[in-house]
Amino acid sequence: MSIYNYDDFQGLLEYFLRNDSNGQDEFDRFVERNIKNEKNKCSNIVVTMCINEELKNVLINMITLGYSITLLHCDKNLYENKFLKELENFNIKCFNLKDIIN
């Protein structure tokens, strides 16, 4: 799948929702339930439209448990996002998909 614009990104998110997560739980519950199934401290990539406090807390918790996190986001207000700096302070790699796509 090629991602060139916002609609393509929405399509990717919808694909993940339909085919991978089944959209049954909130993200924090999904992580809590499934992180125990990880046999090693693997790298994880999280794709999201925006960064909120709930997501920030889940990602920081994963880092403190020893997981490596890369966050791909499409936040329209990148420089106004108060959570991004905090995530980066925890060595979470954050990339704006708009910068990657363009």
C-alpha atoms as a PDB file:
ATOM      1  CA  MET A   1       0.000   0.000   0.000  1.00  0.00           C
ATOM      2  CA  SER A   2       1.341   3.397  -0.950  1.00  0.00           C
ATOM      3  CA  ILE A   3       0.632   6.390   1.265  1.00  0.00           C
ATOM      4  CA  TYR A   4       0.697   9.738  -0.488  1.00  0.00           C
ATOM      5  CA  ASN A   5      -1.943  11.765   1.309  1.00  0.00           C
ATOM      6  CA  TYR A   6      -4.360  11.917   4.239  1.00  0.00           C
ATOM      7  CA  ASP A   7      -6.928   9.655   2.567  1.00  0.00           C
ATOM      8  CA  ASP A   8      -4.285   6.976   1.965  1.00  0.00           C
ATOM      9  CA  PHE A   9      -3.289   7.176   5.631  1.00  0.00           C
ATOM     10  CA  GLN A  10      -6.924   6.836   6.694  1.00  0.00           C
ATOM     11  CA  GLY A  11      -7.152   3.764   4.487  1.00  0.00           C
ATOM     12  CA  LEU A  12      -4.105   2.256   6.193  1.00  0.00           C
ATOM     13  CA  LEU A  13      -5.590   2.881   9.642  1.00  0.00           C
ATOM     14  CA  GLU A  14      -8.885   1.339   8.586  1.00  0.00           C
ATOM     15  CA  TYR A  15      -7.030  -1.688   7.204  1.00  0.00           C
ATOM     16  CA  PHE A  16      -5.247  -2.197  10.537  1.00  0.00           C
ATOM     17  CA  LEU A  17      -8.474  -1.790  12.439  1.00  0.00           C
ATOM     18  CA  ARG A  18     -10.355  -4.315  10.311  1.00  0.00           C
ATOM     19  CA  ASN A  19      -7.601  -6.884   9.822  1.00  0.00           C
ATOM     20  CA  ASP A  20      -5.302  -6.756  12.829  1.00  0.00           C
ATOM     21  CA  SER A  21      -6.734  -5.308  16.020  1.00  0.00           C
ATOM     22  CA  ASN A  22     -10.413  -6.096  15.426  1.00  0.00           C
ATOM     23  CA  GLY A  23     -11.067  -2.753  17.145  1.00  0.00           C
ATOM     24  CA  GLN A  24     -12.446  -4.429  20.277  1.00  0.00           C
ATOM     25  CA  ASP A  25     -10.507  -2.616  23.020  1.00  0.00           C
ATOM     26  CA  GLU A  26      -9.078   0.758  23.805  1.00  0.00           C
ATOM     27  CA  PHE A  27      -5.375   0.889  22.943  1.00  0.00           C
ATOM     28  CA  ASP A  28      -4.181   0.779  26.559  1.00  0.00           C
ATOM     29  CA  ARG A  29      -6.259  -2.330  27.306  1.00  0.00           C
ATOM     30  CA  PHE A  30      -5.096  -3.942  24.078  1.00  0.00           C
ATOM     31  CA  VAL A  31      -1.445  -3.382  25.045  1.00  0.00           C
ATOM     32  CA  GLU A  32      -1.922  -4.555  28.627  1.00  0.00           C
ATOM     33  CA  ARG A  33      -3.615  -7.741  27.450  1.00  0.00           C
ATOM     34  CA  ASN A  34      -1.108  -8.573  24.726  1.00  0.00           C
ATOM     35  CA  ILE A  35       2.215  -7.375  26.122  1.00  0.00           C
ATOM     36  CA  LYS A  36       2.401 -10.468  28.309  1.00  0.00           C
ATOM     37  CA  ASN A  37       2.480 -12.573  25.131  1.00  0.00           C
ATOM     38  CA  GLU A  38       5.758 -10.986  24.023  1.00  0.00           C
ATOM     39  CA  LYS A  39       8.578 -13.474  24.594  1.00  0.00           C
ATOM     40  CA  ASN A  40      11.320 -10.850  24.385  1.00  0.00           C
ATOM     41  CA  LYS A  41      11.683  -7.113  24.571  1.00  0.00           C
ATOM     42  CA  CYS A  42      11.047  -6.526  20.892  1.00  0.00           C
ATOM     43  CA  SER A  43      10.682  -3.311  18.948  1.00  0.00           C
ATOM     44  CA  ASN A  44       7.182  -1.994  18.466  1.00  0.00           C
ATOM     45  CA  ILE A  45       5.827   0.449  15.921  1.00  0.00           C
ATOM     46  CA  VAL A  46       2.692   2.387  16.811  1.00  0.00           C
ATOM     47  CA  VAL A  47       0.752   4.213  14.087  1.00  0.00           C
ATOM     48  CA  THR A  48      -1.734   6.874  15.147  1.00  0.00           C
ATOM     49  CA  MET A  49      -3.445   9.983  13.840  1.00  0.00           C
ATOM     50  CA  CYS A  50      -2.701  12.019  16.953  1.00  0.00           C
ATOM     51  CA  ILE A  51      -0.963  11.809  20.296  1.00  0.00           C
ATOM     52  CA  ASN A  52      -3.053  12.097  23.443  1.00  0.00           C
ATOM     53  CA  GLU A  53      -2.320  11.606  27.122  1.00  0.00           C
ATOM     54  CA  GLU A  54      -3.578   8.016  27.195  1.00  0.00           C
ATOM     55  CA  LEU A  55      -1.309   6.994  24.318  1.00  0.00           C
ATOM     56  CA  LYS A  56       1.624   8.867  25.851  1.00  0.00           C
ATOM     57  CA  ASN A  57       1.210   7.010  29.156  1.00  0.00           C
ATOM     58  CA  VAL A  58       0.946   3.591  27.460  1.00  0.00           C
ATOM     59  CA  LEU A  59       4.083   4.214  25.409  1.00  0.00           C
ATOM     60  CA  ILE A  60       6.073   5.450  28.398  1.00  0.00           C
ATOM     61  CA  ASN A  61       4.970   2.379  30.356  1.00  0.00           C
ATOM     62  CA  MET A  62       6.173   0.137  27.521  1.00  0.00           C
ATOM     63  CA  ILE A  63       9.545   1.909  27.504  1.00  0.00           C
ATOM     64  CA  THR A  64       9.925   1.444  31.255  1.00  0.00           C
ATOM     65  CA  LEU A  65       9.235  -2.284  30.742  1.00  0.00           C
ATOM     66  CA  GLY A  66      12.182  -2.417  28.336  1.00  0.00           C
ATOM     67  CA  TYR A  67      10.479  -2.268  24.938  1.00  0.00           C
ATOM     68  CA  SER A  68      11.747  -0.184  22.058  1.00  0.00           C
ATOM     69  CA  ILE A  69       9.055   2.084  20.597  1.00  0.00           C
ATOM     70  CA  THR A  70       8.775   3.956  17.320  1.00  0.00           C
ATOM     71  CA  LEU A  71       5.747   6.214  16.930  1.00  0.00           C
ATOM     72  CA  LEU A  72       4.412   7.166  13.501  1.00  0.00           C
ATOM     73  CA  HIS A  73       1.833   9.915  13.800  1.00  0.00           C
ATOM     74  CA  CYS A  74      -0.018  12.353  11.621  1.00  0.00           C
ATOM     75  CA  ASP A  75      -0.572  15.111  14.156  1.00  0.00           C
ATOM     76  CA  LYS A  76      -1.537  18.311  12.388  1.00  0.00           C
ATOM     77  CA  ASN A  77      -0.281  20.462  15.279  1.00  0.00           C
ATOM     78  CA  LEU A  78       3.159  18.903  15.649  1.00  0.00           C
ATOM     79  CA  TYR A  79       4.773  21.909  17.301  1.00  0.00           C
ATOM     80  CA  GLU A  80       1.855  22.492  19.647  1.00  0.00           C
ATOM     81  CA  ASN A  81       1.717  18.899  20.865  1.00  0.00           C
ATOM     82  CA  LYS A  82       2.794  18.910  24.507  1.00  0.00           C
ATOM     83  CA  PHE A  83       3.151  15.128  24.636  1.00  0.00           C
ATOM     84  CA  LEU A  84       5.646  14.745  21.800  1.00  0.00           C
ATOM     85  CA  LYS A  85       8.554  16.286  23.693  1.00  0.00           C
ATOM     86  CA  GLU A  86       7.874  14.087  26.708  1.00  0.00           C
ATOM     87  CA  LEU A  87       7.857  10.960  24.536  1.00  0.00           C
ATOM     88  CA  GLU A  88      11.145  11.965  22.944  1.00  0.00           C
ATOM     89  CA  ASN A  89      12.622  12.513  26.417  1.00  0.00           C
ATOM     90  CA  PHE A  90      11.922   8.806  27.059  1.00  0.00           C
ATOM     91  CA  ASN A  91      13.837   7.897  23.867  1.00  0.00           C
ATOM     92  CA  ILE A  92      10.705   7.081  21.917  1.00  0.00           C
ATOM     93  CA  LYS A  93      11.415   7.705  18.244  1.00  0.00           C
ATOM     94  CA  CYS A  94       8.634   9.903  16.852  1.00  0.00           C
ATOM     95  CA  PHE A  95       8.082  10.520  13.151  1.00  0.00           C
ATOM     96  CA  ASN A  96       5.417  12.639  11.531  1.00  0.00           C
ATOM     97  CA  LEU A  97       4.036  10.684   8.579  1.00  0.00           C
ATOM     98  CA  LYS A  98       3.427  13.910   6.696  1.00  0.00           C
ATOM     99  CA  ASP A  99       7.180  14.516   6.675  1.00  0.00           C
ATOM    100  CA  ILE A 100       7.825  10.970   5.465  1.00  0.00           C
ATOM    101  CA  ILE A 101       5.132  11.075   2.771  1.00  0.00           C
ATOM    102  CA  ASN A 102       6.103  14.467   1.344  1.00  0.00           C
END
